Amino acid sequence: MELKFCYYCRVDHLRHRMCLFMTRQGPRWRCQESIAGTRVSQAERDAFGQRQSAINQQMKSPLSPYLSRLRHAQPL
């Protein structure tokens, strides 16, 4: 099971659900859901972005106390 990071929604997905896109910064992996999301109305795209932001916040929150301790730790 190989995972690739989607630069659009900032989540790892299975490789078979990803497509490689050329961008100005070079090749980037993008999930099929995000590609399909560009073919819908502005309101639906906004809803997708809000859902993804909520998912990203939920994923970040359990790590934030640990990460803040790491940032303030003294080097060995």
PDB file of N, CA and C in Angstrom:
ATOM      1  N   MET A   1       0.843  -1.173   0.000  1.00  0.00           N
ATOM      2  CA  MET A   1       0.000   0.000   0.000  1.00  0.00           C
ATOM      3  C   MET A   1       0.888   1.236   0.000  1.00  0.00           C
ATOM      4  N   GLU A   2       0.914   1.936  -1.101  1.00  0.00           N
ATOM      5  CA  GLU A   2       1.751   3.118  -1.227  1.00  0.00           C
ATOM      6  C   GLU A   2       0.884   4.378  -1.132  1.00  0.00           C
ATOM      7  N   LEU A   3       1.308   5.316  -0.289  1.00  0.00           N
ATOM      8  CA  LEU A   3       0.591   6.568  -0.111  1.00  0.00           C
ATOM      9  C   LEU A   3       1.348   7.703  -0.784  1.00  0.00           C
ATOM     10  N   LYS A   4       0.604   8.645  -1.305  1.00  0.00           N
ATOM     11  CA  LYS A   4       1.169   9.860  -1.889  1.00  0.00           C
ATOM     12  C   LYS A   4       0.492  11.049  -1.228  1.00  0.00           C
ATOM     13  N   PHE A   5       1.227  12.145  -1.081  1.00  0.00           N
ATOM     14  CA  PHE A   5       0.714  13.350  -0.453  1.00  0.00           C
ATOM     15  C   PHE A   5       0.068  14.240  -1.509  1.00  0.00           C
ATOM     16  N   CYS A   6      -1.189  14.611  -1.282  1.00  0.00           N
ATOM     17  CA  CYS A   6      -1.908  15.495  -2.199  1.00  0.00           C
ATOM     18  C   CYS A   6      -1.600  16.938  -1.809  1.00  0.00           C
ATOM     19  N   TYR A   7      -0.955  17.682  -2.709  1.00  0.00           N
ATOM     20  CA  TYR A   7      -0.590  19.059  -2.396  1.00  0.00           C
ATOM     21  C   TYR A   7      -1.817  19.953  -2.333  1.00  0.00           C
ATOM     22  N   TYR A   8      -2.938  19.517  -2.900  1.00  0.00           N
ATOM     23  CA  TYR A   8      -4.144  20.342  -2.923  1.00  0.00           C
ATOM     24  C   TYR A   8      -4.901  20.259  -1.604  1.00  0.00           C
ATOM     25  N   CYS A   9      -5.198  19.041  -1.141  1.00  0.00           N
ATOM     26  CA  CYS A   9      -5.961  18.913   0.108  1.00  0.00           C
ATOM     27  C   CYS A   9      -5.069  18.597   1.305  1.00  0.00           C
ATOM     28  N   ARG A  10      -3.751  18.441   1.080  1.00  0.00           N
ATOM     29  CA  ARG A  10      -2.759  18.283   2.137  1.00  0.00           C
ATOM     30  C   ARG A  10      -2.968  17.021   2.983  1.00  0.00           C
ATOM     31  N   VAL A  11      -3.347  15.927   2.316  1.00  0.00           N
ATOM     32  CA  VAL A  11      -3.602  14.650   2.972  1.00  0.00           C
ATOM     33  C   VAL A  11      -2.964  13.549   2.139  1.00  0.00           C
ATOM     34  N   ASP A  12      -2.526  12.467   2.788  1.00  0.00           N
ATOM     35  CA  ASP A  12      -2.007  11.297   2.075  1.00  0.00           C
ATOM     36  C   ASP A  12      -3.167  10.449   1.565  1.00  0.00           C
ATOM     37  N   HIS A  13      -3.044   9.984   0.321  1.00  0.00           N
ATOM     38  CA  HIS A  13      -4.042   9.117  -0.304  1.00  0.00           C
ATOM     39  C   HIS A  13      -3.319   7.925  -0.920  1.00  0.00           C
ATOM     40  N   LEU A  14      -4.077   6.866  -1.208  1.00  0.00           N
ATOM     41  CA  LEU A  14      -3.513   5.730  -1.923  1.00  0.00           C
ATOM     42  C   LEU A  14      -3.090   6.175  -3.314  1.00  0.00           C
ATOM     43  N   ARG A  15      -1.992   5.628  -3.786  1.00  0.00           N
ATOM     44  CA  ARG A  15      -1.431   6.064  -5.062  1.00  0.00           C
ATOM     45  C   ARG A  15      -2.400   5.890  -6.233  1.00  0.00           C
ATOM     46  N   HIS A  16      -3.184   4.808  -6.224  1.00  0.00           N
ATOM     47  CA  HIS A  16      -4.091   4.579  -7.353  1.00  0.00           C
ATOM     48  C   HIS A  16      -5.205   5.620  -7.418  1.00  0.00           C
ATOM     49  N   ARG A  17      -5.367   6.447  -6.389  1.00  0.00           N
ATOM     50  CA  ARG A  17      -6.371   7.512  -6.383  1.00  0.00           C
ATOM     51  C   ARG A  17      -5.752   8.876  -6.679  1.00  0.00           C
ATOM     52  N   MET A  18      -4.511   8.871  -7.160  1.00  0.00           N
ATOM     53  CA  MET A  18      -3.781  10.112  -7.382  1.00  0.00           C
ATOM     54  C   MET A  18      -3.393  10.260  -8.854  1.00  0.00           C
ATOM     55  N   CYS A  19      -3.176  11.522  -9.269  1.00  0.00           N
ATOM     56  CA  CYS A  19      -2.675  11.843 -10.603  1.00  0.00           C
ATOM     57  C   CYS A  19      -1.507  12.804 -10.435  1.00  0.00           C
ATOM     58  N   LEU A  20      -0.525  12.675 -11.291  1.00  0.00           N
ATOM     59  CA  LEU A  20       0.641  13.545 -11.244  1.00  0.00           C
ATOM     60  C   LEU A  20       0.398  14.738 -12.165  1.00  0.00           C
ATOM     61  N   PHE A  21       0.485  15.952 -11.606  1.00  0.00           N
ATOM     62  CA  PHE A  21       0.271  17.185 -12.362  1.00  0.00           C
ATOM     63  C   PHE A  21       1.557  17.975 -12.423  1.00  0.00           C
ATOM     64  N   MET A  22       1.780  18.622 -13.542  1.00  0.00           N
ATOM     65  CA  MET A  22       2.916  19.531 -13.652  1.00  0.00           C
ATOM     66  C   MET A  22       2.462  20.919 -13.201  1.00  0.00           C
ATOM     67  N   THR A  23       3.204  21.512 -12.290  1.00  0.00           N
ATOM     68  CA  THR A  23       2.931  22.865 -11.825  1.00  0.00           C
ATOM     69  C   THR A  23       4.169  23.710 -12.073  1.00  0.00           C
ATOM     70  N   ARG A  24       4.072  25.000 -11.773  1.00  0.00           N
ATOM     71  CA  ARG A  24       5.246  25.862 -11.936  1.00  0.00           C
ATOM     72  C   ARG A  24       6.390  25.428 -11.025  1.00  0.00           C
ATOM     73  N   GLN A  25       6.049  24.808  -9.895  1.00  0.00           N
ATOM     74  CA  GLN A  25       7.072  24.347  -8.955  1.00  0.00           C
ATOM     75  C   GLN A  25       7.579  22.948  -9.280  1.00  0.00           C
ATOM     76  N   GLY A  26       7.022  22.323 -10.302  1.00  0.00           N
ATOM     77  CA  GLY A  26       7.431  20.971 -10.674  1.00  0.00           C
ATOM     78  C   GLY A  26       6.268  20.002 -10.540  1.00  0.00           C
ATOM     79  N   PRO A  27       6.519  18.700 -10.708  1.00  0.00           N
ATOM     80  CA  PRO A  27       5.429  17.719 -10.639  1.00  0.00           C
ATOM     81  C   PRO A  27       4.888  17.593  -9.220  1.00  0.00           C
ATOM     82  N   ARG A  28       3.547  17.544  -9.104  1.00  0.00           N
ATOM     83  CA  ARG A  28       2.880  17.398  -7.812  1.00  0.00           C
ATOM     84  C   ARG A  28       1.768  16.362  -7.938  1.00  0.00           C
ATOM     85  N   TRP A  29       1.559  15.600  -6.859  1.00  0.00           N
ATOM     86  CA  TRP A  29       0.480  14.624  -6.824  1.00  0.00           C
ATOM     87  C   TRP A  29      -0.801  15.308  -6.363  1.00  0.00           C
ATOM     88  N   ARG A  30      -1.923  14.945  -7.020  1.00  0.00           N
ATOM     89  CA  ARG A  30      -3.225  15.505  -6.668  1.00  0.00           C
ATOM     90  C   ARG A  30      -4.267  14.397  -6.705  1.00  0.00           C
ATOM     91  N   CYS A  31      -5.139  14.352  -5.691  1.00  0.00           N
ATOM     92  CA  CYS A  31      -6.132  13.273  -5.600  1.00  0.00           C
ATOM     93  C   CYS A  31      -7.280  13.492  -6.584  1.00  0.00           C
ATOM     94  N   GLN A  32      -7.937  12.405  -6.933  1.00  0.00           N
ATOM     95  CA  GLN A  32      -9.045  12.457  -7.883  1.00  0.00           C
ATOM     96  C   GLN A  32     -10.214  13.271  -7.337  1.00  0.00           C
ATOM     97  N   GLU A  33     -10.423  13.253  -6.006  1.00  0.00           N
ATOM     98  CA  GLU A  33     -11.517  14.026  -5.415  1.00  0.00           C
ATOM     99  C   GLU A  33     -11.300  15.520  -5.634  1.00  0.00           C
ATOM    100  N   SER A  34     -10.063  15.979  -5.481  1.00  0.00           N
ATOM    101  CA  SER A  34      -9.795  17.399  -5.665  1.00  0.00           C
ATOM    102  C   SER A  34      -9.919  17.793  -7.140  1.00  0.00           C
ATOM    103  N   ILE A  35      -9.567  16.899  -8.031  1.00  0.00           N
ATOM    104  CA  ILE A  35      -9.699  17.175  -9.470  1.00  0.00           C
ATOM    105  C   ILE A  35     -11.176  17.268  -9.837  1.00  0.00           C
ATOM    106  N   ALA A  36     -11.974  16.319  -9.350  1.00  0.00           N
ATOM    107  CA  ALA A  36     -13.411  16.346  -9.613  1.00  0.00           C
ATOM    108  C   ALA A  36     -14.043  17.585  -8.985  1.00  0.00           C
ATOM    109  N   GLY A  37     -13.498  18.028  -7.864  1.00  0.00           N
ATOM    110  CA  GLY A  37     -14.031  19.201  -7.183  1.00  0.00           C
ATOM    111  C   GLY A  37     -13.903  20.484  -7.968  1.00  0.00           C
ATOM    112  N   THR A  38     -12.981  20.538  -8.915  1.00  0.00           N
ATOM    113  CA  THR A  38     -12.825  21.751  -9.721  1.00  0.00           C
ATOM    114  C   THR A  38     -13.888  21.866 -10.796  1.00  0.00           C
ATOM    115  N   ARG A  39     -14.620  20.805 -11.028  1.00  0.00           N
ATOM    116  CA  ARG A  39     -15.634  20.798 -12.085  1.00  0.00           C
ATOM    117  C   ARG A  39     -17.038  21.109 -11.567  1.00  0.00           C
ATOM    118  N   VAL A  40     -17.140  21.618 -10.345  1.00  0.00           N
ATOM    119  CA  VAL A  40     -18.445  21.920  -9.748  1.00  0.00           C
ATOM    120  C   VAL A  40     -18.577  23.425  -9.524  1.00  0.00           C
ATOM    121  N   SER A  41     -19.709  23.842  -8.985  1.00  0.00           N
ATOM    122  CA  SER A  41     -19.972  25.270  -8.791  1.00  0.00           C
ATOM    123  C   SER A  41     -19.078  25.871  -7.707  1.00  0.00           C
ATOM    124  N   GLN A  42     -19.025  27.195  -7.671  1.00  0.00           N
ATOM    125  CA  GLN A  42     -18.228  27.912  -6.666  1.00  0.00           C
ATOM    126  C   GLN A  42     -18.695  27.571  -5.245  1.00  0.00           C
ATOM    127  N   ALA A  43     -19.994  27.480  -5.030  1.00  0.00           N
ATOM    128  CA  ALA A  43     -20.529  27.166  -3.700  1.00  0.00           C
ATOM    129  C   ALA A  43     -20.081  25.771  -3.254  1.00  0.00           C
ATOM    130  N   GLU A  44     -20.098  24.813  -4.180  1.00  0.00           N
ATOM    131  CA  GLU A  44     -19.660  23.455  -3.840  1.00  0.00           C
ATOM    132  C   GLU A  44     -18.157  23.421  -3.564  1.00  0.00           C
ATOM    133  N   ARG A  45     -17.374  24.196  -4.305  1.00  0.00           N
ATOM    134  CA  ARG A  45     -15.932  24.261  -4.049  1.00  0.00           C
ATOM    135  C   ARG A  45     -15.657  24.879  -2.682  1.00  0.00           C
ATOM    136  N   ASP A  46     -16.401  25.925  -2.327  1.00  0.00           N
ATOM    137  CA  ASP A  46     -16.237  26.539  -1.014  1.00  0.00           C
ATOM    138  C   ASP A  46     -16.569  25.547   0.107  1.00  0.00           C
ATOM    139  N   ALA A  47     -17.651  24.772  -0.089  1.00  0.00           N
ATOM    140  CA  ALA A  47     -18.033  23.772   0.907  1.00  0.00           C
ATOM    141  C   ALA A  47     -16.942  22.708   1.045  1.00  0.00           C
ATOM    142  N   PHE A  48     -16.368  22.276  -0.076  1.00  0.00           N
ATOM    143  CA  PHE A  48     -15.270  21.301  -0.040  1.00  0.00           C
ATOM    144  C   PHE A  48     -14.085  21.864   0.738  1.00  0.00           C
ATOM    145  N   GLY A  49     -13.740  23.114   0.481  1.00  0.00           N
ATOM    146  CA  GLY A  49     -12.625  23.739   1.183  1.00  0.00           C
ATOM    147  C   GLY A  49     -12.870  23.851   2.670  1.00  0.00           C
ATOM    148  N   GLN A  50     -14.090  24.175   3.064  1.00  0.00           N
ATOM    149  CA  GLN A  50     -14.409  24.270   4.487  1.00  0.00           C
ATOM    150  C   GLN A  50     -14.353  22.908   5.154  1.00  0.00           C
ATOM    151  N   ARG A  51     -14.856  21.871   4.465  1.00  0.00           N
ATOM    152  CA  ARG A  51     -14.776  20.518   5.021  1.00  0.00           C
ATOM    153  C   ARG A  51     -13.323  20.088   5.183  1.00  0.00           C
ATOM    154  N   GLN A  52     -12.504  20.362   4.168  1.00  0.00           N
ATOM    155  CA  GLN A  52     -11.105  19.963   4.230  1.00  0.00           C
ATOM    156  C   GLN A  52     -10.373  20.718   5.333  1.00  0.00           C
ATOM    157  N   SER A  53     -10.676  21.995   5.510  1.00  0.00           N
ATOM    158  CA  SER A  53     -10.057  22.775   6.592  1.00  0.00           C
ATOM    159  C   SER A  53     -10.416  22.192   7.946  1.00  0.00           C
ATOM    160  N   ALA A  54     -11.674  21.774   8.118  1.00  0.00           N
ATOM    161  CA  ALA A  54     -12.095  21.167   9.380  1.00  0.00           C
ATOM    162  C   ALA A  54     -11.346  19.855   9.623  1.00  0.00           C
ATOM    163  N   ILE A  55     -11.188  19.045   8.574  1.00  0.00           N
ATOM    164  CA  ILE A  55     -10.441  17.785   8.699  1.00  0.00           C
ATOM    165  C   ILE A  55      -8.992  18.075   9.090  1.00  0.00           C
ATOM    166  N   ASN A  56      -8.373  19.053   8.432  1.00  0.00           N
ATOM    167  CA  ASN A  56      -6.985  19.395   8.729  1.00  0.00           C
ATOM    168  C   ASN A  56      -6.825  19.882  10.161  1.00  0.00           C
ATOM    169  N   GLN A  57      -7.776  20.670  10.660  1.00  0.00           N
ATOM    170  CA  GLN A  57      -7.716  21.149  12.038  1.00  0.00           C
ATOM    171  C   GLN A  57      -7.843  19.989  13.022  1.00  0.00           C
ATOM    172  N   GLN A  58      -8.734  19.039  12.725  1.00  0.00           N
ATOM    173  CA  GLN A  58      -8.904  17.879  13.595  1.00  0.00           C
ATOM    174  C   GLN A  58      -7.640  17.035  13.636  1.00  0.00           C
ATOM    175  N   MET A  59      -6.978  16.895  12.510  1.00  0.00           N
ATOM    176  CA  MET A  59      -5.749  16.102  12.456  1.00  0.00           C
ATOM    177  C   MET A  59      -4.612  16.809  13.184  1.00  0.00           C
ATOM    178  N   LYS A  60      -4.600  18.110  13.170  1.00  0.00           N
ATOM    179  CA  LYS A  60      -3.513  18.876  13.771  1.00  0.00           C
ATOM    180  C   LYS A  60      -3.652  18.977  15.283  1.00  0.00           C
ATOM    181  N   SER A  61      -4.856  19.063  15.793  1.00  0.00           N
ATOM    182  CA  SER A  61      -5.061  19.379  17.196  1.00  0.00           C
ATOM    183  C   SER A  61      -4.432  18.384  18.184  1.00  0.00           C
ATOM    184  N   PRO A  62      -4.482  17.057  17.977  1.00  0.00           N
ATOM    185  CA  PRO A  62      -3.844  16.173  18.958  1.00  0.00           C
ATOM    186  C   PRO A  62      -2.321  16.344  19.019  1.00  0.00           C
ATOM    187  N   LEU A  63      -1.717  16.814  17.958  1.00  0.00           N
ATOM    188  CA  LEU A  63      -0.274  16.958  17.916  1.00  0.00           C
ATOM    189  C   LEU A  63       0.211  18.305  18.442  1.00  0.00           C
ATOM    190  N   SER A  64      -0.653  19.305  18.475  1.00  0.00           N
ATOM    191  CA  SER A  64      -0.181  20.653  18.775  1.00  0.00           C
ATOM    192  C   SER A  64       0.506  20.787  20.139  1.00  0.00           C
ATOM    193  N   PRO A  65       0.032  20.173  21.244  1.00  0.00           N
ATOM    194  CA  PRO A  65       0.788  20.305  22.499  1.00  0.00           C
ATOM    195  C   PRO A  65       2.185  19.678  22.392  1.00  0.00           C
ATOM    196  N   TYR A  66       2.276  18.542  21.717  1.00  0.00           N
ATOM    197  CA  TYR A  66       3.554  17.875  21.550  1.00  0.00           C
ATOM    198  C   TYR A  66       4.496  18.725  20.701  1.00  0.00           C
ATOM    199  N   LEU A  67       3.971  19.279  19.610  1.00  0.00           N
ATOM    200  CA  LEU A  67       4.801  20.092  18.720  1.00  0.00           C
ATOM    201  C   LEU A  67       5.280  21.368  19.408  1.00  0.00           C
ATOM    202  N   SER A  68       4.428  21.982  20.213  1.00  0.00           N
ATOM    203  CA  SER A  68       4.861  23.204  20.898  1.00  0.00           C
ATOM    204  C   SER A  68       5.974  22.890  21.897  1.00  0.00           C
ATOM    205  N   ARG A  69       5.909  21.721  22.550  1.00  0.00           N
ATOM    206  CA  ARG A  69       7.005  21.331  23.464  1.00  0.00           C
ATOM    207  C   ARG A  69       8.293  21.110  22.688  1.00  0.00           C
ATOM    208  N   LEU A  70       8.194  20.524  21.494  1.00  0.00           N
ATOM    209  CA  LEU A  70       9.392  20.292  20.684  1.00  0.00           C
ATOM    210  C   LEU A  70      10.029  21.616  20.244  1.00  0.00           C
ATOM    211  N   ARG A  71       9.200  22.591  19.898  1.00  0.00           N
ATOM    212  CA  ARG A  71       9.729  23.871  19.455  1.00  0.00           C
ATOM    213  C   ARG A  71      10.501  24.587  20.560  1.00  0.00           C
ATOM    214  N   HIS A  72      10.084  24.380  21.819  1.00  0.00           N
ATOM    215  CA  HIS A  72      10.698  25.073  22.931  1.00  0.00           C
ATOM    216  C   HIS A  72      11.766  24.251  23.644  1.00  0.00           C
ATOM    217  N   ALA A  73      11.996  23.031  23.177  1.00  0.00           N
ATOM    218  CA  ALA A  73      12.989  22.156  23.817  1.00  0.00           C
ATOM    219  C   ALA A  73      14.396  22.655  23.545  1.00  0.00           C
ATOM    220  N   GLN A  74      15.243  22.459  24.510  1.00  0.00           N
ATOM    221  CA  GLN A  74      16.647  22.832  24.352  1.00  0.00           C
ATOM    222  C   GLN A  74      17.360  21.758  23.531  1.00  0.00           C
ATOM    223  N   PRO A  75      18.230  22.152  22.609  1.00  0.00           N
ATOM    224  CA  PRO A  75      18.986  21.158  21.848  1.00  0.00           C
ATOM    225  C   PRO A  75      19.939  20.383  22.761  1.00  0.00           C
ATOM    226  N   LEU A  76      20.190  19.148  22.386  1.00  0.00           N
ATOM    227  CA  LEU A  76      21.097  18.296  23.189  1.00  0.00           C
ATOM    228  C   LEU A  76      22.537  18.659  22.969  1.00  0.00           C
TER     229      LEU A  76
END
